[in-house]
Amino acid sequence: MTEARAETEDYPPFADRFEALIGQIEAPRHNHFWVFAASLLLATLRRLDPRTPVRADTPDKLCSVLIQAVRTATPDVLIRER
């Protein structure tokens, strides 16, 4: 259900919520936490737009790249499904 990731008046979009969730983590850049978080974001992105290329040097940077990609892909999917 893509609408669950959409923004409402009372609820920020998925990318903003995920970014806030991991924003306070102080784990080393190659920590398993970042790999796990990136895998969740990648699964979300692949559902939204499987063709979006993503590249980063470290797992923590990959999370940032994926959050932005999810943020960019979400409105397009919502418009297509209406």
PDB file of N, CA and C in Angstrom:
ATOM      1  N   MET A   1       0.843  -1.180   0.000  1.00  0.00           N
ATOM      2  CA  MET A   1       0.000   0.000   0.000  1.00  0.00           C
ATOM      3  C   MET A   1       0.889   1.244   0.000  1.00  0.00           C
ATOM      4  N   THR A   2       1.015   1.887  -1.106  1.00  0.00           N
ATOM      5  CA  THR A   2       1.885   3.043  -1.248  1.00  0.00           C
ATOM      6  C   THR A   2       1.365   4.244  -0.471  1.00  0.00           C
ATOM      7  N   GLU A   3       0.070   4.350  -0.333  1.00  0.00           N
ATOM      8  CA  GLU A   3      -0.499   5.490   0.371  1.00  0.00           C
ATOM      9  C   GLU A   3       0.012   5.578   1.809  1.00  0.00           C
ATOM     10  N   ALA A   4       0.376   4.461   2.402  1.00  0.00           N
ATOM     11  CA  ALA A   4       0.879   4.462   3.773  1.00  0.00           C
ATOM     12  C   ALA A   4       2.212   5.207   3.866  1.00  0.00           C
ATOM     13  N   ARG A   5       2.924   5.346   2.756  1.00  0.00           N
ATOM     14  CA  ARG A   5       4.184   6.086   2.758  1.00  0.00           C
ATOM     15  C   ARG A   5       3.975   7.548   2.400  1.00  0.00           C
ATOM     16  N   ALA A   6       2.739   7.905   2.059  1.00  0.00           N
ATOM     17  CA  ALA A   6       2.464   9.263   1.623  1.00  0.00           C
ATOM     18  C   ALA A   6       2.341  10.202   2.814  1.00  0.00           C
ATOM     19  N   GLU A   7       2.510  11.443   2.524  1.00  0.00           N
ATOM     20  CA  GLU A   7       2.392  12.497   3.525  1.00  0.00           C
ATOM     21  C   GLU A   7       0.925  12.856   3.729  1.00  0.00           C
ATOM     22  N   THR A   8       0.545  13.132   4.969  1.00  0.00           N
ATOM     23  CA  THR A   8      -0.772  13.672   5.281  1.00  0.00           C
ATOM     24  C   THR A   8      -0.562  14.924   6.114  1.00  0.00           C
ATOM     25  N   GLU A   9      -1.641  15.578   6.484  1.00  0.00           N
ATOM     26  CA  GLU A   9      -1.517  16.777   7.315  1.00  0.00           C
ATOM     27  C   GLU A   9      -0.870  16.473   8.659  1.00  0.00           C
ATOM     28  N   ASP A  10      -1.140  15.285   9.187  1.00  0.00           N
ATOM     29  CA  ASP A  10      -0.656  14.923  10.517  1.00  0.00           C
ATOM     30  C   ASP A  10       0.534  13.974  10.513  1.00  0.00           C
ATOM     31  N   TYR A  11       0.947  13.524   9.356  1.00  0.00           N
ATOM     32  CA  TYR A  11       1.941  12.464   9.290  1.00  0.00           C
ATOM     33  C   TYR A  11       2.945  12.765   8.185  1.00  0.00           C
ATOM     34  N   PRO A  12       4.231  12.862   8.514  1.00  0.00           N
ATOM     35  CA  PRO A  12       5.220  13.151   7.474  1.00  0.00           C
ATOM     36  C   PRO A  12       5.418  11.958   6.540  1.00  0.00           C
ATOM     37  N   PRO A  13       6.008  12.181   5.363  1.00  0.00           N
ATOM     38  CA  PRO A  13       6.249  11.088   4.426  1.00  0.00           C
ATOM     39  C   PRO A  13       7.253  10.076   4.984  1.00  0.00           C
ATOM     40  N   PHE A  14       7.227   8.873   4.424  1.00  0.00           N
ATOM     41  CA  PHE A  14       8.074   7.775   4.880  1.00  0.00           C
ATOM     42  C   PHE A  14       9.547   8.176   4.945  1.00  0.00           C
ATOM     43  N   ALA A  15      10.070   8.810   3.904  1.00  0.00           N
ATOM     44  CA  ALA A  15      11.496   9.161   3.868  1.00  0.00           C
ATOM     45  C   ALA A  15      11.855  10.073   5.035  1.00  0.00           C
ATOM     46  N   ASP A  16      11.001  11.020   5.366  1.00  0.00           N
ATOM     47  CA  ASP A  16      11.257  11.913   6.496  1.00  0.00           C
ATOM     48  C   ASP A  16      11.226  11.149   7.813  1.00  0.00           C
ATOM     49  N   ARG A  17      10.279  10.234   7.952  1.00  0.00           N
ATOM     50  CA  ARG A  17      10.187   9.448   9.177  1.00  0.00           C
ATOM     51  C   ARG A  17      11.416   8.557   9.346  1.00  0.00           C
ATOM     52  N   PHE A  18      11.847   7.916   8.271  1.00  0.00           N
ATOM     53  CA  PHE A  18      13.005   7.029   8.347  1.00  0.00           C
ATOM     54  C   PHE A  18      14.272   7.829   8.619  1.00  0.00           C
ATOM     55  N   GLU A  19      14.387   8.975   7.991  1.00  0.00           N
ATOM     56  CA  GLU A  19      15.555   9.830   8.203  1.00  0.00           C
ATOM     57  C   GLU A  19      15.632  10.281   9.662  1.00  0.00           C
ATOM     58  N   ALA A  20      14.500  10.639  10.246  1.00  0.00           N
ATOM     59  CA  ALA A  20      14.468  11.028  11.659  1.00  0.00           C
ATOM     60  C   ALA A  20      14.820   9.848  12.557  1.00  0.00           C
ATOM     61  N   LEU A  21      14.366   8.675  12.173  1.00  0.00           N
ATOM     62  CA  LEU A  21      14.625   7.473  12.962  1.00  0.00           C
ATOM     63  C   LEU A  21      16.119   7.175  13.044  1.00  0.00           C
ATOM     64  N   ILE A  22      16.821   7.263  11.936  1.00  0.00           N
ATOM     65  CA  ILE A  22      18.244   6.909  11.938  1.00  0.00           C
ATOM     66  C   ILE A  22      19.152   8.123  12.133  1.00  0.00           C
ATOM     67  N   GLY A  23      18.567   9.307  12.152  1.00  0.00           N
ATOM     68  CA  GLY A  23      19.361  10.529  12.240  1.00  0.00           C
ATOM     69  C   GLY A  23      20.176  10.686  13.504  1.00  0.00           C
ATOM     70  N   GLN A  24      19.778  10.058  14.563  1.00  0.00           N
ATOM     71  CA  GLN A  24      20.480  10.203  15.828  1.00  0.00           C
ATOM     72  C   GLN A  24      21.438   9.043  16.124  1.00  0.00           C
ATOM     73  N   ILE A  25      21.569   8.115  15.202  1.00  0.00           N
ATOM     74  CA  ILE A  25      22.435   6.951  15.403  1.00  0.00           C
ATOM     75  C   ILE A  25      23.896   7.365  15.282  1.00  0.00           C
ATOM     76  N   GLU A  26      24.676   6.966  16.255  1.00  0.00           N
ATOM     77  CA  GLU A  26      26.107   7.266  16.240  1.00  0.00           C
ATOM     78  C   GLU A  26      26.903   5.972  16.096  1.00  0.00           C
ATOM     79  N   ALA A  27      26.647   5.262  15.030  1.00  0.00           N
ATOM     80  CA  ALA A  27      27.357   4.012  14.752  1.00  0.00           C
ATOM     81  C   ALA A  27      28.464   4.288  13.743  1.00  0.00           C
ATOM     82  N   PRO A  28      29.558   3.541  13.816  1.00  0.00           N
ATOM     83  CA  PRO A  28      30.615   3.690  12.805  1.00  0.00           C
ATOM     84  C   PRO A  28      30.047   3.475  11.401  1.00  0.00           C
ATOM     85  N   ARG A  29      30.686   4.094  10.419  1.00  0.00           N
ATOM     86  CA  ARG A  29      30.131   4.082   9.066  1.00  0.00           C
ATOM     87  C   ARG A  29      29.996   2.703   8.443  1.00  0.00           C
ATOM     88  N   HIS A  30      30.756   1.718   8.878  1.00  0.00           N
ATOM     89  CA  HIS A  30      30.646   0.357   8.326  1.00  0.00           C
ATOM     90  C   HIS A  30      29.929  -0.600   9.278  1.00  0.00           C
ATOM     91  N   ASN A  31      29.265  -0.072  10.280  1.00  0.00           N
ATOM     92  CA  ASN A  31      28.551  -0.879  11.259  1.00  0.00           C
ATOM     93  C   ASN A  31      27.407  -1.643  10.595  1.00  0.00           C
ATOM     94  N   HIS A  32      27.090  -2.802  11.144  1.00  0.00           N
ATOM     95  CA  HIS A  32      25.997  -3.618  10.591  1.00  0.00           C
ATOM     96  C   HIS A  32      24.657  -2.893  10.636  1.00  0.00           C
ATOM     97  N   PHE A  33      24.499  -1.938  11.545  1.00  0.00           N
ATOM     98  CA  PHE A  33      23.253  -1.169  11.596  1.00  0.00           C
ATOM     99  C   PHE A  33      22.962  -0.522  10.248  1.00  0.00           C
ATOM    100  N   TRP A  34      23.981   0.101   9.647  1.00  0.00           N
ATOM    101  CA  TRP A  34      23.785   0.812   8.377  1.00  0.00           C
ATOM    102  C   TRP A  34      23.444  -0.144   7.245  1.00  0.00           C
ATOM    103  N   VAL A  35      24.033  -1.330   7.279  1.00  0.00           N
ATOM    104  CA  VAL A  35      23.723  -2.338   6.261  1.00  0.00           C
ATOM    105  C   VAL A  35      22.260  -2.763   6.385  1.00  0.00           C
ATOM    106  N   PHE A  36      21.812  -2.989   7.612  1.00  0.00           N
ATOM    107  CA  PHE A  36      20.421  -3.375   7.844  1.00  0.00           C
ATOM    108  C   PHE A  36      19.465  -2.257   7.420  1.00  0.00           C
ATOM    109  N   ALA A  37      19.760  -1.018   7.833  1.00  0.00           N
ATOM    110  CA  ALA A  37      18.906   0.114   7.467  1.00  0.00           C
ATOM    111  C   ALA A  37      18.868   0.291   5.946  1.00  0.00           C
ATOM    112  N   ALA A  38      20.016   0.156   5.303  1.00  0.00           N
ATOM    113  CA  ALA A  38      20.067   0.289   3.841  1.00  0.00           C
ATOM    114  C   ALA A  38      19.250  -0.802   3.159  1.00  0.00           C
ATOM    115  N   SER A  39      19.244  -2.002   3.722  1.00  0.00           N
ATOM    116  CA  SER A  39      18.461  -3.077   3.096  1.00  0.00           C
ATOM    117  C   SER A  39      16.963  -2.784   3.186  1.00  0.00           C
ATOM    118  N   LEU A  40      16.514  -2.200   4.294  1.00  0.00           N
ATOM    119  CA  LEU A  40      15.101  -1.809   4.411  1.00  0.00           C
ATOM    120  C   LEU A  40      14.758  -0.713   3.409  1.00  0.00           C
ATOM    121  N   LEU A  41      15.640   0.265   3.300  1.00  0.00           N
ATOM    122  CA  LEU A  41      15.406   1.351   2.351  1.00  0.00           C
ATOM    123  C   LEU A  41      15.449   0.853   0.907  1.00  0.00           C
ATOM    124  N   LEU A  42      16.368  -0.041   0.616  1.00  0.00           N
ATOM    125  CA  LEU A  42      16.469  -0.570  -0.741  1.00  0.00           C
ATOM    126  C   LEU A  42      15.218  -1.359  -1.110  1.00  0.00           C
ATOM    127  N   ALA A  43      14.698  -2.135  -0.178  1.00  0.00           N
ATOM    128  CA  ALA A  43      13.464  -2.881  -0.442  1.00  0.00           C
ATOM    129  C   ALA A  43      12.319  -1.919  -0.730  1.00  0.00           C
ATOM    130  N   THR A  44      12.250  -0.834   0.018  1.00  0.00           N
ATOM    131  CA  THR A  44      11.205   0.171  -0.208  1.00  0.00           C
ATOM    132  C   THR A  44      11.378   0.825  -1.573  1.00  0.00           C
ATOM    133  N   LEU A  45      12.602   1.198  -1.895  1.00  0.00           N
ATOM    134  CA  LEU A  45      12.865   1.836  -3.183  1.00  0.00           C
ATOM    135  C   LEU A  45      12.554   0.899  -4.340  1.00  0.00           C
ATOM    136  N   ARG A  46      12.902  -0.352  -4.226  1.00  0.00           N
ATOM    137  CA  ARG A  46      12.658  -1.304  -5.320  1.00  0.00           C
ATOM    138  C   ARG A  46      11.173  -1.483  -5.575  1.00  0.00           C
ATOM    139  N   ARG A  47      10.341  -1.369  -4.535  1.00  0.00           N
ATOM    140  CA  ARG A  47       8.886  -1.427  -4.736  1.00  0.00           C
ATOM    141  C   ARG A  47       8.394  -0.167  -5.447  1.00  0.00           C
ATOM    142  N   LEU A  48       9.015   0.965  -5.135  1.00  0.00           N
ATOM    143  CA  LEU A  48       8.578   2.236  -5.720  1.00  0.00           C
ATOM    144  C   LEU A  48       9.057   2.391  -7.159  1.00  0.00           C
ATOM    145  N   ASP A  49      10.340   2.142  -7.377  1.00  0.00           N
ATOM    146  CA  ASP A  49      10.917   2.307  -8.710  1.00  0.00           C
ATOM    147  C   ASP A  49      12.143   1.416  -8.829  1.00  0.00           C
ATOM    148  N   PRO A  50      11.980   0.228  -9.346  1.00  0.00           N
ATOM    149  CA  PRO A  50      13.088  -0.727  -9.410  1.00  0.00           C
ATOM    150  C   PRO A  50      14.236  -0.304 -10.324  1.00  0.00           C
ATOM    151  N   ARG A  51      14.032   0.711 -11.140  1.00  0.00           N
ATOM    152  CA  ARG A  51      15.085   1.131 -12.082  1.00  0.00           C
ATOM    153  C   ARG A  51      16.006   2.193 -11.518  1.00  0.00           C
ATOM    154  N   THR A  52      15.729   2.717 -10.347  1.00  0.00           N
ATOM    155  CA  THR A  52      16.536   3.794  -9.787  1.00  0.00           C
ATOM    156  C   THR A  52      17.923   3.280  -9.412  1.00  0.00           C
ATOM    157  N   PRO A  53      18.973   3.844 -10.015  1.00  0.00           N
ATOM    158  CA  PRO A  53      20.326   3.413  -9.646  1.00  0.00           C
ATOM    159  C   PRO A  53      20.753   4.076  -8.332  1.00  0.00           C
ATOM    160  N   VAL A  54      21.470   3.351  -7.515  1.00  0.00           N
ATOM    161  CA  VAL A  54      21.994   3.908  -6.261  1.00  0.00           C
ATOM    162  C   VAL A  54      23.443   3.476  -6.096  1.00  0.00           C
ATOM    163  N   ARG A  55      24.258   4.419  -5.660  1.00  0.00           N
ATOM    164  CA  ARG A  55      25.677   4.140  -5.428  1.00  0.00           C
ATOM    165  C   ARG A  55      26.157   4.971  -4.250  1.00  0.00           C
ATOM    166  N   ALA A  56      27.008   4.355  -3.436  1.00  0.00           N
ATOM    167  CA  ALA A  56      27.638   5.057  -2.322  1.00  0.00           C
ATOM    168  C   ALA A  56      28.874   4.277  -1.900  1.00  0.00           C
ATOM    169  N   ASP A  57      29.802   4.974  -1.266  1.00  0.00           N
ATOM    170  CA  ASP A  57      31.063   4.357  -0.853  1.00  0.00           C
ATOM    171  C   ASP A  57      30.961   3.570   0.445  1.00  0.00           C
ATOM    172  N   THR A  58      30.082   3.999   1.340  1.00  0.00           N
ATOM    173  CA  THR A  58      29.964   3.354   2.642  1.00  0.00           C
ATOM    174  C   THR A  58      28.487   3.111   2.959  1.00  0.00           C
ATOM    175  N   PRO A  59      28.197   2.167   3.845  1.00  0.00           N
ATOM    176  CA  PRO A  59      26.802   1.878   4.170  1.00  0.00           C
ATOM    177  C   PRO A  59      26.038   3.068   4.752  1.00  0.00           C
ATOM    178  N   ASP A  60      26.697   3.907   5.554  1.00  0.00           N
ATOM    179  CA  ASP A  60      25.984   5.068   6.100  1.00  0.00           C
ATOM    180  C   ASP A  60      25.633   6.065   5.003  1.00  0.00           C
ATOM    181  N   LYS A  61      26.522   6.266   4.052  1.00  0.00           N
ATOM    182  CA  LYS A  61      26.216   7.146   2.918  1.00  0.00           C
ATOM    183  C   LYS A  61      25.140   6.540   2.027  1.00  0.00           C
ATOM    184  N   LEU A  62      25.150   5.216   1.904  1.00  0.00           N
ATOM    185  CA  LEU A  62      24.126   4.539   1.117  1.00  0.00           C
ATOM    186  C   LEU A  62      22.743   4.820   1.690  1.00  0.00           C
ATOM    187  N   CYS A  63      22.629   4.848   3.004  1.00  0.00           N
ATOM    188  CA  CYS A  63      21.340   5.169   3.629  1.00  0.00           C
ATOM    189  C   CYS A  63      20.874   6.560   3.222  1.00  0.00           C
ATOM    190  N   SER A  64      21.766   7.521   3.222  1.00  0.00           N
ATOM    191  CA  SER A  64      21.403   8.882   2.813  1.00  0.00           C
ATOM    192  C   SER A  64      20.959   8.931   1.356  1.00  0.00           C
ATOM    193  N   VAL A  65      21.694   8.241   0.498  1.00  0.00           N
ATOM    194  CA  VAL A  65      21.346   8.192  -0.927  1.00  0.00           C
ATOM    195  C   VAL A  65      19.981   7.532  -1.116  1.00  0.00           C
ATOM    196  N   LEU A  66      19.743   6.451  -0.407  1.00  0.00           N
ATOM    197  CA  LEU A  66      18.480   5.733  -0.533  1.00  0.00           C
ATOM    198  C   LEU A  66      17.308   6.539  -0.004  1.00  0.00           C
ATOM    199  N   ILE A  67      17.501   7.256   1.086  1.00  0.00           N
ATOM    200  CA  ILE A  67      16.422   8.096   1.618  1.00  0.00           C
ATOM    201  C   ILE A  67      16.018   9.123   0.574  1.00  0.00           C
ATOM    202  N   GLN A  68      16.994   9.759  -0.045  1.00  0.00           N
ATOM    203  CA  GLN A  68      16.679  10.752  -1.076  1.00  0.00           C
ATOM    204  C   GLN A  68      15.996  10.101  -2.273  1.00  0.00           C
ATOM    205  N   ALA A  69      16.436   8.910  -2.648  1.00  0.00           N
ATOM    206  CA  ALA A  69      15.819   8.210  -3.779  1.00  0.00           C
ATOM    207  C   ALA A  69      14.372   7.839  -3.470  1.00  0.00           C
ATOM    208  N   VAL A  70      14.108   7.384  -2.254  1.00  0.00           N
ATOM    209  CA  VAL A  70      12.734   7.057  -1.850  1.00  0.00           C
ATOM    210  C   VAL A  70      11.891   8.326  -1.852  1.00  0.00           C
ATOM    211  N   ARG A  71      12.464   9.401  -1.341  1.00  0.00           N
ATOM    212  CA  ARG A  71      11.744  10.687  -1.304  1.00  0.00           C
ATOM    213  C   ARG A  71      11.370  11.129  -2.721  1.00  0.00           C
ATOM    214  N   THR A  72      12.264  10.956  -3.650  1.00  0.00           N
ATOM    215  CA  THR A  72      12.021  11.352  -5.037  1.00  0.00           C
ATOM    216  C   THR A  72      11.023  10.427  -5.727  1.00  0.00           C
ATOM    217  N   ALA A  73      11.101   9.136  -5.459  1.00  0.00           N
ATOM    218  CA  ALA A  73      10.260   8.162  -6.147  1.00  0.00           C
ATOM    219  C   ALA A  73       8.822   8.133  -5.628  1.00  0.00           C
ATOM    220  N   THR A  74       8.602   8.443  -4.398  1.00  0.00           N
ATOM    221  CA  THR A  74       7.269   8.293  -3.800  1.00  0.00           C
ATOM    222  C   THR A  74       6.175   9.097  -4.506  1.00  0.00           C
ATOM    223  N   PRO A  75       6.340  10.375  -4.779  1.00  0.00           N
ATOM    224  CA  PRO A  75       5.248  11.114  -5.438  1.00  0.00           C
ATOM    225  C   PRO A  75       4.870  10.548  -6.798  1.00  0.00           C
ATOM    226  N   ASP A  76       5.836  10.083  -7.581  1.00  0.00           N
ATOM    227  CA  ASP A  76       5.542   9.524  -8.896  1.00  0.00           C
ATOM    228  C   ASP A  76       4.638   8.311  -8.786  1.00  0.00           C
ATOM    229  N   VAL A  77       4.886   7.458  -7.853  1.00  0.00           N
ATOM    230  CA  VAL A  77       4.071   6.256  -7.685  1.00  0.00           C
ATOM    231  C   VAL A  77       2.668   6.638  -7.247  1.00  0.00           C
ATOM    232  N   LEU A  78       2.550   7.585  -6.337  1.00  0.00           N
ATOM    233  CA  LEU A  78       1.241   7.985  -5.866  1.00  0.00           C
ATOM    234  C   LEU A  78       0.403   8.576  -6.992  1.00  0.00           C
ATOM    235  N   ILE A  79       1.027   9.334  -7.861  1.00  0.00           N
ATOM    236  CA  ILE A  79       0.304   9.934  -8.987  1.00  0.00           C
ATOM    237  C   ILE A  79      -0.131   8.837  -9.960  1.00  0.00           C
ATOM    238  N   ARG A  80       0.742   7.858 -10.241  1.00  0.00           N
ATOM    239  CA  ARG A  80       0.388   6.777 -11.170  1.00  0.00           C
ATOM    240  C   ARG A  80      -0.753   5.920 -10.659  1.00  0.00           C
ATOM    241  N   GLU A  81      -0.844   5.741  -9.340  1.00  0.00           N
ATOM    242  CA  GLU A  81      -1.859   4.832  -8.796  1.00  0.00           C
ATOM    243  C   GLU A  81      -3.224   5.470  -8.599  1.00  0.00           C
ATOM    244  N   ARG A  82      -3.323   6.752  -8.767  1.00  0.00           N
ATOM    245  CA  ARG A  82      -4.627   7.419  -8.585  1.00  0.00           C
ATOM    246  C   ARG A  82      -5.535   7.193  -9.744  1.00  0.00           C
TER     247      ARG A  82
END
